[in-house]
Amino acid sequence: MPPRTIVAQHMAVVIDANVTPSETAAAEDFVRYLLSKDGQKILGQYHMRPPEIDSGAFTSIFQPFTVEDLGGWSQAYHDLIEGLWKRQIAPQLAIEPLPRLLNGKD
């Protein structure tokens, strides 16, 4: 684990325009489940660090930082994607997508 890493803050919300009134309750229940202890455990199996760590599955982060520490999304995109990734890293890579299921078995 690097001494510094960004804290990814994944959001789960129900967007009214994307659900029918009859689907709203199920969608809201799903979001509540994601935030539950069982839901967080499942997300942890896919390497998403839960907000509260109660096992040795994740090591502590020495110096975590957020996108706000980088100047916000506009500045972070400019510096990291446009400046670092597109100009310095991507040109040196030969990347081809490898399709794979989330469970990693196929």
N, C-alpha and C. Protein backbone atom coordinates (compact mmCIF):
# COMPACT_ATOMS: atom_id res chain seq x y z
N MET A 1 0.85 -1.17 0.00
CA MET A 1 0.00 0.00 0.00
C MET A 1 0.89 1.23 0.00
N PRO A 2 0.64 2.14 -0.94
CA PRO A 2 1.43 3.37 -0.94
C PRO A 2 1.11 4.20 0.30
N PRO A 3 2.04 5.04 0.73
CA PRO A 3 1.79 5.85 1.92
C PRO A 3 0.66 6.86 1.71
N ARG A 4 0.42 7.25 0.46
CA ARG A 4 -0.66 8.20 0.16
C ARG A 4 -1.54 7.59 -0.91
N THR A 5 -2.83 7.78 -0.75
CA THR A 5 -3.78 7.33 -1.77
C THR A 5 -5.04 8.17 -1.68
N ILE A 6 -5.73 8.26 -2.79
CA ILE A 6 -6.95 9.07 -2.81
C ILE A 6 -8.10 8.29 -2.19
N VAL A 7 -8.93 8.98 -1.48
CA VAL A 7 -10.13 8.40 -0.89
C VAL A 7 -11.23 8.51 -1.95
N ALA A 8 -11.65 7.39 -2.51
CA ALA A 8 -12.73 7.38 -3.49
C ALA A 8 -14.05 7.39 -2.75
N GLN A 9 -14.87 8.35 -3.05
CA GLN A 9 -16.14 8.50 -2.36
C GLN A 9 -17.28 8.16 -3.32
N HIS A 10 -17.58 6.87 -3.43
CA HIS A 10 -18.61 6.39 -4.35
C HIS A 10 -19.99 6.78 -3.84
N MET A 11 -20.83 7.23 -4.73
CA MET A 11 -22.17 7.66 -4.36
C MET A 11 -23.20 6.68 -4.91
N ALA A 12 -24.24 6.46 -4.16
CA ALA A 12 -25.39 5.67 -4.62
C ALA A 12 -26.63 6.48 -4.31
N VAL A 13 -27.36 6.85 -5.34
CA VAL A 13 -28.57 7.65 -5.17
C VAL A 13 -29.65 7.13 -6.11
N VAL A 14 -30.88 7.41 -5.77
CA VAL A 14 -32.01 7.10 -6.63
C VAL A 14 -32.34 8.38 -7.39
N ILE A 15 -32.31 8.31 -8.71
CA ILE A 15 -32.61 9.46 -9.55
C ILE A 15 -34.05 9.31 -10.05
N ASP A 16 -34.90 10.23 -9.64
CA ASP A 16 -36.33 10.14 -9.94
C ASP A 16 -36.62 9.90 -11.42
N ALA A 17 -35.87 10.55 -12.30
CA ALA A 17 -36.12 10.42 -13.74
C ALA A 17 -35.81 9.02 -14.26
N ASN A 18 -35.06 8.23 -13.49
CA ASN A 18 -34.66 6.90 -13.96
C ASN A 18 -35.46 5.76 -13.35
N VAL A 19 -36.40 6.06 -12.48
CA VAL A 19 -37.23 5.02 -11.87
C VAL A 19 -38.70 5.42 -11.96
N THR A 20 -39.54 4.42 -12.10
CA THR A 20 -40.98 4.69 -12.08
C THR A 20 -41.43 4.77 -10.62
N PRO A 21 -42.58 5.35 -10.38
CA PRO A 21 -43.07 5.40 -8.99
C PRO A 21 -43.15 4.02 -8.34
N SER A 22 -43.47 3.00 -9.12
CA SER A 22 -43.56 1.65 -8.54
C SER A 22 -42.18 1.06 -8.24
N GLU A 23 -41.13 1.59 -8.85
CA GLU A 23 -39.76 1.09 -8.61
C GLU A 23 -39.04 1.84 -7.50
N THR A 24 -39.54 3.00 -7.12
CA THR A 24 -38.84 3.86 -6.17
C THR A 24 -38.54 3.17 -4.84
N ALA A 25 -39.51 2.50 -4.27
CA ALA A 25 -39.30 1.85 -2.96
C ALA A 25 -38.19 0.80 -3.05
N ALA A 26 -38.19 0.00 -4.12
CA ALA A 26 -37.16 -1.04 -4.27
C ALA A 26 -35.78 -0.40 -4.46
N ALA A 27 -35.72 0.68 -5.24
CA ALA A 27 -34.44 1.36 -5.46
C ALA A 27 -33.91 1.95 -4.15
N GLU A 28 -34.79 2.56 -3.37
CA GLU A 28 -34.37 3.13 -2.08
C GLU A 28 -33.94 2.04 -1.11
N ASP A 29 -34.64 0.90 -1.13
CA ASP A 29 -34.23 -0.23 -0.29
C ASP A 29 -32.85 -0.73 -0.68
N PHE A 30 -32.57 -0.76 -1.99
CA PHE A 30 -31.26 -1.21 -2.47
C PHE A 30 -30.15 -0.28 -1.97
N VAL A 31 -30.38 1.03 -2.05
CA VAL A 31 -29.38 1.98 -1.56
C VAL A 31 -29.16 1.79 -0.06
N ARG A 32 -30.24 1.60 0.70
CA ARG A 32 -30.10 1.35 2.14
C ARG A 32 -29.31 0.07 2.38
N TYR A 33 -29.55 -0.96 1.56
CA TYR A 33 -28.81 -2.21 1.72
C TYR A 33 -27.31 -2.00 1.46
N LEU A 34 -26.98 -1.22 0.44
CA LEU A 34 -25.56 -0.95 0.16
C LEU A 34 -24.87 -0.32 1.37
N LEU A 35 -25.59 0.48 2.12
CA LEU A 35 -25.02 1.15 3.29
C LEU A 35 -25.04 0.30 4.55
N SER A 36 -25.74 -0.84 4.49
CA SER A 36 -25.83 -1.71 5.66
C SER A 36 -24.52 -2.47 5.87
N LYS A 37 -24.39 -3.09 7.02
CA LYS A 37 -23.19 -3.86 7.32
C LYS A 37 -22.98 -4.98 6.30
N ASP A 38 -24.05 -5.70 5.95
CA ASP A 38 -23.94 -6.77 4.95
C ASP A 38 -23.56 -6.22 3.58
N GLY A 39 -24.19 -5.11 3.19
CA GLY A 39 -23.87 -4.49 1.91
C GLY A 39 -22.42 -4.04 1.85
N GLN A 40 -21.94 -3.42 2.92
CA GLN A 40 -20.55 -2.96 2.97
C GLN A 40 -19.58 -4.13 2.92
N LYS A 41 -19.96 -5.25 3.52
CA LYS A 41 -19.11 -6.45 3.48
C LYS A 41 -18.97 -6.95 2.05
N ILE A 42 -20.07 -6.97 1.31
CA ILE A 42 -20.02 -7.41 -0.09
C ILE A 42 -19.17 -6.45 -0.91
N LEU A 43 -19.36 -5.15 -0.74
CA LEU A 43 -18.55 -4.17 -1.47
C LEU A 43 -17.07 -4.34 -1.14
N GLY A 44 -16.77 -4.67 0.11
CA GLY A 44 -15.38 -4.92 0.51
C GLY A 44 -14.77 -6.09 -0.21
N GLN A 45 -15.59 -7.08 -0.58
CA GLN A 45 -15.08 -8.23 -1.33
C GLN A 45 -14.62 -7.82 -2.73
N TYR A 46 -15.09 -6.68 -3.20
CA TYR A 46 -14.67 -6.14 -4.50
C TYR A 46 -13.71 -4.97 -4.32
N HIS A 47 -13.03 -4.96 -3.18
CA HIS A 47 -11.94 -4.02 -2.86
C HIS A 47 -12.40 -2.57 -2.72
N MET A 48 -13.68 -2.38 -2.39
CA MET A 48 -14.16 -1.03 -2.06
C MET A 48 -14.08 -0.89 -0.55
N ARG A 49 -13.27 0.01 -0.11
CA ARG A 49 -13.04 0.20 1.33
C ARG A 49 -14.28 0.77 2.00
N PRO A 50 -14.82 0.04 2.98
CA PRO A 50 -16.00 0.55 3.68
C PRO A 50 -15.62 1.73 4.58
N PRO A 51 -16.59 2.61 4.89
CA PRO A 51 -16.28 3.76 5.74
C PRO A 51 -15.83 3.36 7.14
N GLU A 52 -16.36 2.26 7.65
CA GLU A 52 -15.95 1.76 8.96
C GLU A 52 -15.30 0.40 8.77
N ILE A 53 -14.04 0.30 9.16
CA ILE A 53 -13.30 -0.94 8.98
C ILE A 53 -13.29 -1.70 10.30
N ASP A 54 -13.84 -2.92 10.26
CA ASP A 54 -13.89 -3.71 11.49
C ASP A 54 -13.16 -5.04 11.35
N SER A 55 -12.29 -5.14 10.36
CA SER A 55 -11.52 -6.37 10.19
C SER A 55 -10.14 -6.02 9.69
N GLY A 56 -9.29 -7.02 9.60
CA GLY A 56 -7.94 -6.81 9.09
C GLY A 56 -7.86 -6.90 7.58
N ALA A 57 -9.01 -6.88 6.89
CA ALA A 57 -9.02 -7.01 5.44
C ALA A 57 -8.36 -5.82 4.75
N PHE A 58 -8.40 -4.66 5.39
CA PHE A 58 -7.83 -3.45 4.79
C PHE A 58 -6.79 -2.88 5.74
N THR A 59 -5.65 -2.53 5.19
CA THR A 59 -4.63 -1.88 6.01
C THR A 59 -4.99 -0.40 6.15
N SER A 60 -4.47 0.23 7.16
CA SER A 60 -4.78 1.65 7.34
C SER A 60 -3.99 2.48 6.33
N ILE A 61 -4.56 3.60 5.96
CA ILE A 61 -3.93 4.51 5.01
C ILE A 61 -3.21 5.58 5.82
N PHE A 62 -1.93 5.75 5.56
CA PHE A 62 -1.13 6.69 6.32
C PHE A 62 -1.56 8.13 6.06
N GLN A 63 -1.65 8.51 4.79
CA GLN A 63 -2.00 9.89 4.46
C GLN A 63 -3.06 9.91 3.35
N PRO A 64 -4.32 9.63 3.67
CA PRO A 64 -5.35 9.68 2.63
C PRO A 64 -5.64 11.12 2.22
N PHE A 65 -6.08 11.31 0.97
CA PHE A 65 -6.48 12.64 0.53
C PHE A 65 -7.70 12.52 -0.37
N THR A 66 -8.40 13.61 -0.56
CA THR A 66 -9.61 13.64 -1.37
C THR A 66 -9.39 14.53 -2.59
N VAL A 67 -10.34 14.51 -3.50
CA VAL A 67 -10.24 15.35 -4.68
C VAL A 67 -10.24 16.83 -4.30
N GLU A 68 -10.86 17.17 -3.18
CA GLU A 68 -10.84 18.56 -2.73
C GLU A 68 -9.41 19.00 -2.39
N ASP A 69 -8.60 18.07 -1.89
CA ASP A 69 -7.20 18.39 -1.60
C ASP A 69 -6.40 18.68 -2.86
N LEU A 70 -6.92 18.23 -4.01
CA LEU A 70 -6.25 18.47 -5.29
C LEU A 70 -6.78 19.72 -5.99
N GLY A 71 -7.68 20.44 -5.34
CA GLY A 71 -8.22 21.66 -5.92
C GLY A 71 -9.60 21.50 -6.53
N GLY A 72 -10.26 20.37 -6.29
CA GLY A 72 -11.59 20.12 -6.86
C GLY A 72 -11.50 19.33 -8.15
N TRP A 73 -12.67 18.91 -8.67
CA TRP A 73 -12.69 18.05 -9.85
C TRP A 73 -12.10 18.71 -11.09
N SER A 74 -12.39 19.98 -11.32
CA SER A 74 -11.87 20.65 -12.53
C SER A 74 -10.35 20.69 -12.52
N GLN A 75 -9.78 21.07 -11.40
CA GLN A 75 -8.32 21.14 -11.30
C GLN A 75 -7.70 19.75 -11.35
N ALA A 76 -8.30 18.78 -10.66
CA ALA A 76 -7.77 17.42 -10.66
C ALA A 76 -7.81 16.83 -12.07
N TYR A 77 -8.90 17.06 -12.80
CA TYR A 77 -8.99 16.55 -14.18
C TYR A 77 -7.89 17.18 -15.04
N HIS A 78 -7.75 18.48 -14.93
CA HIS A 78 -6.73 19.18 -15.72
C HIS A 78 -5.33 18.65 -15.41
N ASP A 79 -5.01 18.54 -14.14
CA ASP A 79 -3.66 18.13 -13.74
C ASP A 79 -3.39 16.65 -13.97
N LEU A 80 -4.34 15.80 -13.57
CA LEU A 80 -4.09 14.36 -13.60
C LEU A 80 -4.43 13.70 -14.92
N ILE A 81 -5.58 14.02 -15.50
CA ILE A 81 -5.98 13.37 -16.74
C ILE A 81 -5.30 14.04 -17.94
N GLU A 82 -5.50 15.33 -18.07
CA GLU A 82 -4.91 16.03 -19.21
C GLU A 82 -3.38 16.12 -19.10
N GLY A 83 -2.89 16.50 -17.95
CA GLY A 83 -1.45 16.70 -17.79
C GLY A 83 -0.65 15.43 -17.61
N LEU A 84 -1.03 14.61 -16.68
CA LEU A 84 -0.24 13.42 -16.35
C LEU A 84 -0.61 12.22 -17.22
N TRP A 85 -1.88 11.83 -17.23
CA TRP A 85 -2.28 10.60 -17.93
C TRP A 85 -2.13 10.73 -19.45
N LYS A 86 -2.79 11.70 -20.06
CA LYS A 86 -2.80 11.79 -21.52
C LYS A 86 -1.44 12.15 -22.12
N ARG A 87 -0.66 12.95 -21.42
CA ARG A 87 0.61 13.41 -22.00
C ARG A 87 1.81 12.56 -21.61
N GLN A 88 1.77 11.94 -20.43
CA GLN A 88 2.96 11.22 -19.96
C GLN A 88 2.78 9.72 -19.85
N ILE A 89 1.66 9.26 -19.33
CA ILE A 89 1.51 7.83 -19.06
C ILE A 89 0.94 7.07 -20.26
N ALA A 90 -0.22 7.47 -20.77
CA ALA A 90 -0.90 6.74 -21.85
C ALA A 90 -0.02 6.53 -23.08
N PRO A 91 0.75 7.52 -23.52
CA PRO A 91 1.56 7.30 -24.72
C PRO A 91 2.59 6.16 -24.57
N GLN A 92 2.94 5.82 -23.36
CA GLN A 92 3.93 4.76 -23.14
C GLN A 92 3.30 3.38 -22.98
N LEU A 93 1.98 3.32 -22.96
CA LEU A 93 1.29 2.06 -22.70
C LEU A 93 0.70 1.46 -23.97
N ALA A 94 0.67 0.16 -24.01
CA ALA A 94 -0.04 -0.57 -25.06
C ALA A 94 -1.18 -1.31 -24.35
N ILE A 95 -2.29 -0.62 -24.16
CA ILE A 95 -3.39 -1.17 -23.39
C ILE A 95 -4.47 -1.71 -24.33
N GLU A 96 -4.85 -2.95 -24.08
CA GLU A 96 -6.00 -3.53 -24.77
C GLU A 96 -6.95 -4.04 -23.69
N PRO A 97 -8.23 -3.69 -23.79
CA PRO A 97 -9.17 -4.14 -22.76
C PRO A 97 -9.27 -5.66 -22.72
N LEU A 98 -9.37 -6.19 -21.53
CA LEU A 98 -9.54 -7.62 -21.32
C LEU A 98 -10.88 -7.81 -20.63
N PRO A 99 -11.90 -8.31 -21.37
CA PRO A 99 -13.21 -8.48 -20.73
C PRO A 99 -13.13 -9.50 -19.60
N ARG A 100 -13.78 -9.18 -18.49
CA ARG A 100 -13.74 -10.07 -17.32
C ARG A 100 -14.96 -9.78 -16.46
N LEU A 101 -15.56 -10.82 -15.93
CA LEU A 101 -16.68 -10.64 -15.02
C LEU A 101 -16.17 -10.13 -13.69
N LEU A 102 -17.06 -9.48 -12.93
CA LEU A 102 -16.66 -8.94 -11.63
C LEU A 102 -16.11 -9.98 -10.67
N ASN A 103 -16.61 -11.21 -10.77
CA ASN A 103 -16.13 -12.23 -9.84
C ASN A 103 -14.75 -12.76 -10.22
N GLY A 104 -14.23 -12.35 -11.38
CA GLY A 104 -12.88 -12.72 -11.78
C GLY A 104 -12.71 -14.15 -12.23
N LYS A 105 -13.81 -14.90 -12.39
CA LYS A 105 -13.69 -16.31 -12.75
C LYS A 105 -13.61 -16.53 -14.25
N ASP A 106 -14.11 -15.59 -15.04
CA ASP A 106 -14.11 -15.76 -16.50
C ASP A 106 -13.22 -14.75 -17.17
